[in-house]
Amino acid sequence: MALELVKQGFEVEDLIGTRVSQVLLRAEALVPGAGREAIEPLLADATLFIDAADLQAGRVVLDGAVTCQAVYRQGNETTLRALEAQATLDHVTELPGAEPGMFSRVWGVVEHVDAKYENGHMIFLVTCALRVQALSLRPVEGIQSVTGQAGLETAYETLHSVKLAAESSEMALLRDTVALPAALDARATLMDWVVAEVEDVSPDLGGVRVKGRVLVETLVSSGAEGRPAAVVRVPMALDQLVELPEWLTGDVTAELDVRGVRSQIAMGPEGDNTNLSCEAELRVRVLANTTDSPEALTDIYATEGNSLAVTRETVNLCDRVARARLTEAVRGTVLIGEDAPRVGSVIAAQVKPVVGEWQTTGDGAGRVEGVLEVSVLYMPNGSGQPASAQSELPFAVDVPIELDEASSIAVQVLSAEASALMGDRLDMKVQLGVRCETRDRQAAELVTNVEAGEPIRRRPGIVIVWPEAGEDAWSIGRRYAIPAARAADAAPGKALVLKV
C-alpha cells in the first residue's frame, strides 16, 4: 500500500530587508518687512509627513512633505514674529528583493532643524531619518498525517506563524476652541507642537475603533508687559473608526501620524473675550496581524516494512510579536553660553528626541539610547528682548523586551518643562513616551514529503548502547529503526540494553 500524505498550507512572513537613510531637505520663506535690521531665529521646528510609499522592484519610493516653523526677533523689537515654509520629500530607498505587492513599513522622523536668515529669506535645513522595511507572505505546506504503512514513528509540533495581514488607515480632523484669559492680551499664534498618543484599540462594528489623546501646544504672542509670549495647551480626544474586516480585528495595533496643525486667534461671539482655535489633522493607521497554527510533521522514520526517503525544509517563522509601551522621566541641566544673556524667566521649552541606537541587554530586555535636542525660549534678566538657548541631553531607556535590527522604535516627548536654576543654567524635566515592537523569528525544520524506500534489513539481536550527550530516545530509536518508547530510559553515560 502506498504512503498517503495529508498536507496543510499556511503562510510565513518573510522579512525581505530593512534600510536606514538620512535625508537633508531645504525649505525657505520670505521674511516680511526684513530690511537692514538683524533677524535672529530663536526657535525652529519641523514636521515630516509621508504621504505614500510605493514598493517597486528593488526599491521603495517615498513621497511626503516637511512643514517648517520658526520664531524670530527682528532688530531691537521686543515682540516675536513667526513664519512657515514647506519642502517636498521625494526619496528612493534601494531595497534588494522588494517587489510590488509586498507590505512596506515606513518610519520617518525629523532629527534636526537649523534655521538661518539670508538675504531676506529664512532658510531651513531639515535632517530627516527614514527607515524602510519590506515584508512578504510566502505559502508553505506542512504534513498533517502519514498513513499507508505499519510501524511509522512520527513527531509533530504545533507551529505559530504570525504575519502582518493587512493595513488600513483613515484621516481624522480634530478641532477645539478655548477661551484665553484677558491678562494674556493674545495677539497671534507663533508656533504649534503636537503630542498624539494611542490609548486603546478595540474591535467595533465595521472595523476597529482607535481612541487616544492629542495635545496641541501653541506659542501665542502676548501684549502683556515683560511677557511677549506664552504657551497655551489644548487637549483633544481622538475617537476614530478604521474600517477592517471582522476576521482581522483579533490582533491589531494603531499608529498616529500628524499631518499638520493650524491655530488662530479670534474674538469671541460677544467681542469681549479672545479665543484660540486649534485644528489637528492626523492619519490613523491600523496594522492587523493574524496567526496560523498548523500541526506539522517535523520528523518521521519506519520500524518495519520499507525505509523512508524524507524531504525537509527549514522555515524561518515569525512566531511571536513582543511589544512594550512605557514612559520615562529624563532630567538634566542646560548651560547658557558665556556670551548669552542671563536667564530671568522661561517662556517655552522645545525638545526633540533623536534615537541613536538600541540593543538587547540580556534576560529578555533591551535598551534605547539617544540624545534630546533642547531649545528654550526665555526672557533675560534686565532686558525686554527674548533670547534662546540650545543644548543636548543624553537619555537611555530600558525596555522589557529584546530588541534587534528589525525592531521598530518610537520615542516622543510627552511633556517638557524648564525652570531657571541660576542665571547661567536651566533645569529640564522631560517625560518621554517609548513604544517598541520586535517580531521574533525562529527556524523550524519541517518534513515536506515522504516516500517509501528500500525494505528495512536488520539482524535480530540485543544491542548495548551508551548514549552520548544530546542523544535521546527519538534519535536512538531512529538509528536502530525501533519504536522510540523502547529507548525511553536513555541517559548520557548510562548503558541501555535494546532488543532489535
Protein backbone atom coordinates (compact mmCIF):
# COMPACT_ATOMS: atom_id res chain seq x y z
CA MET A 1 0.00 0.00 0.00
CA ALA A 2 1.41 3.41 -0.97
CA LEU A 3 2.00 6.12 1.57
CA GLU A 4 -0.78 8.67 1.85
CA LEU A 5 0.07 12.20 2.94
CA VAL A 6 -2.40 14.80 4.16
CA LYS A 7 -0.95 18.28 3.77
CA GLN A 8 -1.97 21.66 5.12
CA GLY A 9 -0.94 25.01 3.69
CA PHE A 10 -0.10 28.07 5.78
CA GLU A 11 1.66 31.39 5.26
CA VAL A 12 5.01 32.57 6.55
CA GLU A 13 6.02 36.21 6.94
CA ASP A 14 9.47 36.82 5.45
CA LEU A 15 11.50 39.91 6.27
CA ILE A 16 12.92 40.98 2.91
CA GLY A 17 15.11 43.70 4.37
CA THR A 18 15.43 46.91 6.36
CA ARG A 19 17.16 50.04 5.14
CA VAL A 20 18.00 53.21 7.05
CA SER A 21 18.83 56.50 5.34
CA GLN A 22 19.23 60.15 6.21
CA VAL A 23 17.87 62.95 4.03
CA LEU A 24 18.64 66.67 4.18
CA LEU A 25 15.78 68.88 2.99
CA ARG A 26 15.85 72.62 2.36
CA ALA A 27 12.92 74.99 2.69
CA GLU A 28 12.78 78.75 2.60
CA ALA A 29 10.30 81.55 3.14
CA LEU A 30 10.37 85.30 2.55
CA VAL A 31 10.74 87.26 5.79
CA PRO A 32 8.13 90.05 5.57
CA GLY A 33 9.36 93.54 6.34
CA ALA A 34 13.01 92.48 6.57
CA GLY A 35 15.36 95.31 5.78
CA ARG A 36 18.71 96.15 7.21
CA GLU A 37 17.66 95.13 10.71
CA ALA A 38 19.13 91.93 12.06
CA ILE A 39 16.92 88.85 12.04
CA GLU A 40 17.59 86.45 14.91
CA PRO A 41 15.94 83.00 14.74
CA LEU A 42 15.04 81.84 18.26
CA LEU A 43 13.09 78.61 17.80
CA ALA A 44 12.76 76.29 14.81
CA ASP A 45 10.76 73.12 14.32
CA ALA A 46 9.61 70.84 11.50
CA THR A 47 7.06 68.06 10.99
CA LEU A 48 7.53 65.23 8.50
CA PHE A 49 4.51 63.53 6.94
CA ILE A 50 4.97 60.66 4.47
CA ASP A 51 2.02 60.58 2.11
CA ALA A 52 2.81 57.35 0.27
CA ALA A 53 5.33 54.53 -0.01
CA ASP A 54 5.42 52.88 -3.43
CA LEU A 55 7.06 49.46 -3.37
CA GLN A 56 8.76 48.76 -6.68
CA ALA A 57 11.24 46.14 -7.89
CA GLY A 58 14.28 46.51 -5.68
CA ARG A 59 13.34 49.85 -4.19
CA VAL A 60 10.79 51.91 -2.25
CA VAL A 61 9.75 55.38 -3.44
CA LEU A 62 8.65 57.76 -0.69
CA ASP A 63 6.53 60.89 -1.22
CA GLY A 64 5.83 63.38 1.52
CA ALA A 65 6.37 66.87 2.83
CA VAL A 66 8.09 68.71 5.65
CA THR A 67 6.40 71.71 7.26
CA CYS A 68 8.85 74.09 8.97
CA GLN A 69 8.17 76.76 11.60
CA ALA A 70 10.38 79.48 13.02
CA VAL A 71 10.01 82.09 15.72
CA TYR A 72 12.35 85.05 15.35
CA ARG A 73 13.13 88.54 16.56
CA GLN A 74 13.70 91.48 14.23
CA GLY A 75 16.14 94.22 15.15
CA ASN A 76 15.65 95.57 18.67
CA GLU A 77 11.99 94.64 18.83
CA THR A 78 10.67 93.07 22.00
CA THR A 79 7.85 91.32 20.14
CA LEU A 80 8.16 87.92 18.49
CA ARG A 81 7.38 87.05 14.88
CA ALA A 82 6.83 83.73 13.13
CA LEU A 83 6.71 82.19 9.66
CA GLU A 84 6.28 78.83 7.95
CA ALA A 85 7.87 77.08 4.98
CA GLN A 86 7.43 73.75 3.23
CA ALA A 87 9.69 71.30 1.42
CA THR A 88 8.80 68.23 -0.61
CA LEU A 89 10.16 64.79 0.20
CA ASP A 90 10.82 62.66 -2.88
CA HIS A 91 13.21 59.90 -1.89
CA VAL A 92 14.15 56.48 -3.28
CA THR A 93 15.47 53.78 -0.95
CA GLU A 94 17.19 50.84 -2.60
CA LEU A 95 15.89 47.59 -1.10
CA PRO A 96 17.08 44.41 -2.86
CA GLY A 97 14.41 41.73 -3.03
CA ALA A 98 11.49 44.14 -2.77
CA GLU A 99 8.64 43.57 -5.21
CA PRO A 100 5.28 45.26 -5.89
CA GLY A 101 2.51 43.73 -3.79
CA MET A 102 4.63 43.23 -0.69
CA PHE A 103 3.97 45.01 2.58
CA SER A 104 6.08 48.06 3.37
CA ARG A 105 6.54 49.68 6.75
CA VAL A 106 8.00 53.17 6.85
CA TRP A 107 9.17 55.27 9.77
CA GLY A 108 10.26 58.86 9.32
CA VAL A 109 11.31 61.43 11.94
CA VAL A 110 12.85 64.88 11.95
CA GLU A 111 16.16 64.69 13.78
CA HIS A 112 17.41 68.25 13.50
CA VAL A 113 16.24 71.65 12.24
CA ASP A 114 18.54 74.57 11.55
CA ALA A 115 17.08 77.99 10.68
CA LYS A 116 19.14 80.94 9.48
CA TYR A 117 18.44 84.27 7.81
CA GLU A 118 19.94 85.01 4.39
CA ASN A 119 19.14 87.90 2.03
CA GLY A 120 15.56 88.47 3.08
CA HIS A 121 14.73 84.76 3.44
CA MET A 122 14.56 82.31 6.31
CA ILE A 123 16.42 79.17 5.29
CA PHE A 124 15.54 75.84 6.93
CA LEU A 125 17.85 72.85 6.74
CA VAL A 126 15.99 69.79 8.00
CA THR A 127 17.65 66.44 8.71
CA CYS A 128 15.22 63.52 8.43
CA ALA A 129 15.86 59.88 9.35
CA LEU A 130 13.99 57.35 7.21
CA ARG A 131 13.62 53.65 7.90
CA VAL A 132 12.01 51.34 5.35
CA GLN A 133 11.11 47.69 5.75
CA ALA A 134 9.63 45.21 3.27
CA LEU A 135 7.70 42.08 4.27
CA SER A 136 6.25 39.32 2.11
CA LEU A 137 3.90 36.40 2.70
CA ARG A 138 5.08 33.05 1.40
CA PRO A 139 2.92 29.90 1.19
CA VAL A 140 4.34 26.79 2.87
CA GLU A 141 2.95 23.23 3.02
CA GLY A 142 3.25 21.07 6.11
CA ILE A 143 2.23 17.44 6.53
CA GLN A 144 -0.67 16.75 8.88
CA SER A 145 -0.63 12.95 8.74
CA VAL A 146 1.07 9.99 7.07
CA THR A 147 -0.66 6.62 6.61
CA GLY A 148 -0.28 3.57 4.42
CA GLN A 149 2.48 1.67 6.26
CA ALA A 150 2.70 -0.04 9.61
CA GLY A 151 5.42 0.85 12.11
CA LEU A 152 5.62 4.58 11.49
CA GLU A 153 7.15 6.75 14.22
CA THR A 154 6.09 10.39 13.83
CA ALA A 155 6.86 13.64 15.62
CA TYR A 156 4.50 16.60 15.28
CA GLU A 157 4.78 20.16 16.51
CA THR A 158 2.25 22.96 16.73
CA LEU A 159 3.79 25.89 14.87
CA HIS A 160 2.86 29.54 15.27
CA SER A 161 3.28 31.74 12.22
CA VAL A 162 2.40 35.38 12.95
CA LYS A 163 2.04 37.57 9.89
CA LEU A 164 1.13 41.13 9.02
CA ALA A 165 -2.07 40.51 7.10
CA ALA A 166 -3.49 43.96 6.37
CA GLU A 167 -3.10 47.70 6.89
CA SER A 168 -5.87 50.27 6.85
CA SER A 169 -5.93 53.98 7.57
CA GLU A 170 -8.30 56.91 7.98
CA MET A 171 -7.69 60.64 8.25
CA ALA A 172 -9.01 62.32 11.39
CA LEU A 173 -9.61 66.06 11.79
CA LEU A 174 -9.84 67.32 15.37
CA ARG A 175 -10.99 70.82 16.30
CA ASP A 176 -11.38 72.70 19.55
CA THR A 177 -11.64 76.28 20.79
CA VAL A 178 -10.60 77.59 24.18
CA ALA A 179 -11.06 80.99 25.76
CA LEU A 180 -7.88 82.86 26.61
CA PRO A 181 -7.52 84.99 29.75
CA ALA A 182 -7.77 88.72 29.19
CA ALA A 183 -4.49 89.26 31.06
CA LEU A 184 -2.65 87.40 28.30
CA ASP A 185 -3.62 90.04 25.73
CA ALA A 186 -3.15 87.45 22.96
CA ARG A 187 -2.19 88.87 19.58
CA ALA A 188 -1.32 85.96 17.23
CA THR A 189 -0.20 82.34 17.18
CA LEU A 190 3.50 81.74 16.58
CA MET A 191 4.27 78.01 16.69
CA ASP A 192 2.46 74.73 17.33
CA TRP A 193 3.64 71.41 18.77
CA VAL A 194 1.59 68.23 18.91
CA VAL A 195 1.65 65.16 21.13
CA ALA A 196 -0.51 62.29 19.81
CA GLU A 197 -0.93 59.04 21.74
CA VAL A 198 -2.97 55.90 21.16
CA GLU A 199 -4.70 54.80 24.36
CA ASP A 200 -7.00 51.99 23.20
CA VAL A 201 -7.57 49.85 20.11
CA SER A 202 -10.61 47.59 20.12
CA PRO A 203 -12.89 45.82 17.60
CA ASP A 204 -16.07 47.66 16.72
CA LEU A 205 -18.88 47.26 14.26
CA GLY A 206 -17.34 47.57 10.80
CA GLY A 207 -13.74 47.69 11.90
CA VAL A 208 -11.51 48.88 14.72
CA ARG A 209 -12.07 51.84 17.00
CA VAL A 210 -8.96 53.79 17.93
CA LYS A 211 -9.07 56.09 20.95
CA GLY A 212 -6.34 58.39 22.12
CA ARG A 213 -5.34 61.85 23.19
CA VAL A 214 -3.95 64.73 21.20
CA LEU A 215 -2.34 67.67 22.96
CA VAL A 216 -1.70 70.82 20.94
CA GLU A 217 0.71 73.30 22.49
CA THR A 218 0.57 76.72 20.89
CA LEU A 219 3.02 79.55 21.45
CA VAL A 220 0.90 82.71 21.49
CA SER A 221 2.31 86.23 21.23
CA SER A 222 1.22 88.48 24.06
CA GLY A 223 0.92 92.16 24.73
CA ALA A 224 1.47 91.69 28.47
CA GLU A 225 4.26 93.73 29.99
CA GLY A 226 7.53 91.78 30.14
CA ARG A 227 5.91 88.63 28.70
CA PRO A 228 5.96 88.67 24.87
CA ALA A 229 4.62 85.10 24.54
CA ALA A 230 3.05 82.23 26.44
CA VAL A 231 2.29 78.57 25.78
CA VAL A 232 -1.38 77.54 25.67
CA ARG A 233 -2.23 73.83 25.86
CA VAL A 234 -5.34 72.48 24.14
CA PRO A 235 -6.17 68.80 24.82
CA MET A 236 -8.39 66.96 22.33
CA ALA A 237 -9.81 63.44 22.34
CA LEU A 238 -9.35 61.08 19.40
CA ASP A 239 -12.12 58.59 18.62
CA GLN A 240 -11.79 57.19 15.10
CA LEU A 241 -13.29 54.13 13.43
CA VAL A 242 -10.98 52.49 10.90
CA GLU A 243 -12.65 50.04 8.53
CA LEU A 244 -11.33 46.49 8.66
CA PRO A 245 -12.88 43.04 8.01
CA GLU A 246 -14.11 41.41 11.21
CA TRP A 247 -11.83 38.37 10.87
CA LEU A 248 -8.79 40.68 11.01
CA THR A 249 -9.66 42.52 14.22
CA GLY A 250 -8.25 39.99 16.71
CA ASP A 251 -4.68 41.31 16.92
CA VAL A 252 -4.38 44.93 15.89
CA THR A 253 -2.14 47.88 16.71
CA ALA A 254 -2.52 51.53 15.76
CA GLU A 255 -0.11 54.35 14.95
CA LEU A 256 -0.73 58.08 14.57
CA ASP A 257 0.95 60.36 12.03
CA VAL A 258 0.48 64.12 12.38
CA ARG A 259 -0.06 65.75 9.03
CA GLY A 260 -0.48 69.31 10.18
CA VAL A 261 -1.76 71.74 12.81
CA ARG A 262 -3.47 75.09 12.33
CA SER A 263 -4.26 77.58 15.05
CA GLN A 264 -5.54 81.14 15.12
CA ILE A 265 -6.65 83.87 17.49
CA ALA A 266 -10.19 85.17 17.10
CA MET A 267 -12.55 87.35 19.07
CA GLY A 268 -15.40 85.60 20.84
CA PRO A 269 -19.02 85.98 19.72
CA GLU A 270 -19.63 88.73 22.28
CA GLY A 271 -16.49 90.61 21.32
CA ASP A 272 -15.31 90.78 24.92
CA ASN A 273 -13.06 87.73 25.03
CA THR A 274 -10.35 86.16 22.91
CA ASN A 275 -10.46 82.56 21.71
CA LEU A 276 -7.78 80.19 20.45
CA SER A 277 -8.99 77.80 17.75
CA CYS A 278 -6.90 74.71 17.01
CA GLU A 279 -7.24 72.15 14.24
CA ALA A 280 -5.11 68.99 14.05
CA GLU A 281 -5.09 66.59 11.10
CA LEU A 282 -3.87 63.06 11.72
CA ARG A 283 -3.63 59.77 9.91
CA VAL A 284 -4.79 56.82 11.99
CA ARG A 285 -3.10 53.63 10.77
CA VAL A 286 -4.20 50.19 11.89
CA LEU A 287 -1.97 47.14 11.41
CA ALA A 288 -3.67 43.75 11.61
CA ASN A 289 -1.80 40.54 12.44
CA THR A 290 -3.11 37.02 12.07
CA THR A 291 -1.63 33.72 13.25
CA ASP A 292 -1.58 30.34 11.53
CA SER A 293 -1.12 27.44 13.98
CA PRO A 294 -0.77 24.21 11.97
CA GLU A 295 0.12 20.85 13.49
CA ALA A 296 3.06 19.93 11.26
CA LEU A 297 5.21 16.81 10.88
CA THR A 298 8.78 17.56 11.99
CA ASP A 299 10.30 14.04 11.81
CA ILE A 300 9.39 10.50 10.77
CA TYR A 301 11.00 7.07 10.42
CA ALA A 302 9.83 3.46 9.96
CA THR A 303 10.39 0.48 12.26
CA GLU A 304 9.12 -2.15 9.80
CA GLY A 305 8.35 -2.53 6.12
CA ASN A 306 10.16 -0.02 3.89
CA SER A 307 12.60 2.66 4.95
CA LEU A 308 11.55 6.22 4.23
CA ALA A 309 13.00 8.91 1.96
CA VAL A 310 12.26 12.17 3.74
CA THR A 311 12.39 15.69 2.28
CA ARG A 312 12.90 18.52 4.76
CA GLU A 313 12.71 22.28 4.60
CA THR A 314 13.91 24.87 7.11
CA VAL A 315 11.44 27.72 7.52
CA ASN A 316 12.01 30.98 9.42
CA LEU A 317 8.80 31.75 11.27
CA CYS A 318 7.72 34.94 12.97
CA ASP A 319 6.36 33.05 15.95
CA ARG A 320 5.72 35.97 18.33
CA VAL A 321 5.34 39.73 18.37
CA ALA A 322 6.67 41.36 21.54
CA ARG A 323 5.51 44.90 22.31
CA ALA A 324 6.35 47.37 25.05
CA ARG A 325 4.96 50.78 25.86
CA LEU A 326 6.28 52.87 28.73
CA THR A 327 7.07 56.37 29.92
CA GLU A 328 10.44 57.54 31.16
CA ALA A 329 11.41 60.71 33.01
CA VAL A 330 14.65 62.42 31.97
CA ARG A 331 16.17 65.25 33.93
CA GLY A 332 19.21 67.36 33.10
CA THR A 333 20.81 70.78 33.16
CA VAL A 334 21.09 73.15 30.20
CA LEU A 335 24.01 75.56 30.43
CA ILE A 336 23.72 79.03 28.94
CA GLY A 337 26.65 80.20 26.81
CA GLU A 338 29.10 82.66 28.32
CA ASP A 339 28.10 85.44 25.91
CA ALA A 340 24.35 84.75 26.13
CA PRO A 341 22.01 86.88 28.27
CA ARG A 342 21.37 85.52 31.78
CA VAL A 343 18.04 83.75 32.32
CA GLY A 344 15.24 85.57 34.07
CA SER A 345 12.10 83.57 33.26
CA VAL A 346 11.29 80.75 30.83
CA ILE A 347 8.67 81.23 28.13
CA ALA A 348 8.72 77.85 26.34
CA ALA A 349 10.79 74.67 26.07
CA GLN A 350 11.02 72.59 22.93
CA VAL A 351 12.60 69.11 22.98
CA LYS A 352 13.28 66.79 20.05
CA PRO A 353 14.34 63.17 20.74
CA VAL A 354 16.96 61.63 18.44
CA VAL A 355 17.37 57.87 18.81
CA GLY A 356 20.98 56.81 18.38
CA GLU A 357 20.97 53.05 18.90
CA TRP A 358 19.18 50.18 20.56
CA GLN A 359 20.30 46.76 21.67
CA THR A 360 19.41 43.69 23.69
CA THR A 361 20.93 43.77 27.16
CA GLY A 362 20.09 40.17 28.12
CA ASP A 363 17.42 38.45 30.23
CA GLY A 364 14.73 39.38 27.72
CA ALA A 365 15.34 43.13 28.00
CA GLY A 366 16.68 45.89 25.76
CA ARG A 367 17.91 49.47 25.91
CA VAL A 368 17.24 52.51 23.72
CA GLU A 369 19.78 55.34 23.78
CA GLY A 370 19.95 58.76 22.17
CA VAL A 371 20.02 62.50 22.80
CA LEU A 372 17.41 65.16 23.42
CA GLU A 373 17.84 68.35 21.40
CA VAL A 374 16.65 71.09 23.72
CA SER A 375 15.69 74.66 22.76
CA VAL A 376 14.50 77.09 25.42
CA LEU A 377 12.91 80.48 24.78
CA TYR A 378 13.37 82.81 27.75
CA MET A 379 13.35 86.39 28.97
CA PRO A 380 16.76 87.61 30.15
CA ASN A 381 17.29 89.46 33.41
CA GLY A 382 17.02 93.20 32.95
CA SER A 383 16.04 93.03 29.27
CA GLY A 384 12.79 93.09 27.34
CA GLN A 385 14.20 91.25 24.32
CA PRO A 386 13.57 87.46 24.22
CA ALA A 387 16.54 85.10 23.83
CA SER A 388 17.02 81.39 23.34
CA ALA A 389 19.44 78.64 24.33
CA GLN A 390 20.16 75.25 22.77
CA SER A 391 21.73 72.15 24.24
CA GLU A 392 21.75 68.34 24.12
CA LEU A 393 20.90 65.90 26.90
CA PRO A 394 21.63 62.16 26.68
CA PHE A 395 18.92 59.65 27.52
CA ALA A 396 18.72 55.88 27.95
CA VAL A 397 15.54 53.85 28.41
CA ASP A 398 15.42 50.20 29.48
CA VAL A 399 12.56 48.25 27.89
CA PRO A 400 11.19 44.83 28.92
CA ILE A 401 11.61 43.15 25.52
CA GLU A 402 14.57 42.12 23.41
CA LEU A 403 15.49 44.40 20.51
CA ASP A 404 17.14 43.66 17.18
CA GLU A 405 17.97 45.49 13.98
CA ALA A 406 14.46 44.99 12.62
CA SER A 407 12.68 46.25 15.76
CA SER A 408 10.50 49.33 15.45
CA ILE A 409 11.28 52.09 17.97
CA ALA A 410 9.26 55.27 18.51
CA VAL A 411 10.20 57.91 21.07
CA GLN A 412 8.23 61.11 21.54
CA VAL A 413 8.20 63.91 24.09
CA LEU A 414 5.03 63.87 26.17
CA SER A 415 5.91 66.96 28.19
CA ALA A 416 8.88 69.26 28.73
CA GLU A 417 9.40 71.84 31.45
CA ALA A 418 12.30 74.21 32.00
CA SER A 419 13.00 76.39 35.02
CA ALA A 420 15.84 78.73 35.86
CA LEU A 421 18.23 77.33 38.46
CA MET A 422 20.66 80.22 38.17
CA GLY A 423 21.28 82.88 35.61
CA ASP A 424 23.58 80.61 33.61
CA ARG A 425 21.69 77.32 33.74
CA LEU A 426 18.27 75.73 33.40
CA ASP A 427 16.73 72.65 34.98
CA MET A 428 14.99 70.41 32.38
CA LYS A 429 12.28 67.87 33.17
CA VAL A 430 11.22 65.77 30.19
CA GLN A 431 8.65 62.97 30.04
CA LEU A 432 9.26 60.53 27.17
CA GLY A 433 6.80 58.07 25.67
CA VAL A 434 8.51 54.98 24.25
CA ARG A 435 6.94 52.30 22.03
CA CYS A 436 8.86 49.22 20.85
CA GLU A 437 7.96 46.18 18.79
CA THR A 438 10.08 43.14 17.97
CA ARG A 439 8.93 40.36 15.69
CA ASP A 440 10.72 37.26 16.97
CA ARG A 441 11.83 34.89 14.21
CA GLN A 442 12.75 31.26 14.80
CA ALA A 443 13.89 28.50 12.44
CA ALA A 444 11.66 25.41 12.22
CA GLU A 445 12.51 22.24 10.27
CA LEU A 446 9.50 20.68 8.55
CA VAL A 447 9.01 17.42 6.71
CA THR A 448 7.53 18.39 3.35
CA ASN A 449 7.48 15.00 1.59
CA VAL A 450 7.82 11.30 2.47
CA GLU A 451 8.33 8.42 0.03
CA ALA A 452 8.82 4.69 0.55
CA GLY A 453 12.39 3.46 0.11
CA GLU A 454 14.09 0.06 0.24
CA PRO A 455 12.86 -2.65 2.63
CA ILE A 456 14.38 -2.44 6.11
CA ARG A 457 17.05 -5.11 6.62
CA ARG A 458 18.44 -5.86 10.05
CA ARG A 459 19.60 -8.78 12.16
CA PRO A 460 17.54 -9.51 15.26
CA GLY A 461 19.50 -9.41 18.49
CA ILE A 462 20.48 -7.46 21.58
CA VAL A 463 22.37 -4.16 21.39
CA ILE A 464 24.03 -2.32 24.28
CA VAL A 465 24.03 1.43 23.68
CA TRP A 466 25.96 4.10 25.60
CA PRO A 467 24.04 7.33 24.79
CA GLU A 468 26.19 10.37 24.18
CA ALA A 469 25.40 13.94 25.17
CA GLY A 470 22.49 15.22 23.09
CA GLU A 471 21.11 11.77 22.25
CA ASP A 472 17.58 10.95 23.32
CA ALA A 473 15.02 8.20 22.86
CA TRP A 474 13.99 9.51 19.46
CA SER A 475 17.48 9.68 17.95
CA ILE A 476 18.38 6.22 19.29
CA GLY A 477 15.12 4.71 18.07
CA ARG A 478 15.69 6.26 14.65
CA ARG A 479 19.26 4.87 14.47
CA TYR A 480 18.17 1.27 15.13
CA ALA A 481 14.70 1.51 13.49
CA ILE A 482 12.87 0.60 16.70
CA PRO A 483 10.00 2.39 18.46
CA ALA A 484 11.27 5.35 20.44
CA ALA A 485 9.38 4.08 23.51
CA ARG A 486 11.89 1.23 23.85
CA ALA A 487 14.66 3.75 24.45
CA ALA A 488 12.68 5.85 26.91
CA ASP A 489 15.30 5.32 29.64
CA ALA A 490 18.15 6.74 27.54
CA ALA A 491 20.55 8.93 29.54
CA PRO A 492 24.14 10.04 28.77
CA GLY A 493 26.73 7.70 30.25
CA LYS A 494 24.17 5.06 31.22
CA ALA A 495 24.17 1.70 29.40
CA LEU A 496 20.94 0.92 27.56
CA VAL A 497 20.03 -2.62 26.50
CA LEU A 498 17.87 -2.77 23.39
CA LYS A 499 16.22 -5.62 21.52
CA VAL A 500 16.27 -5.09 17.74
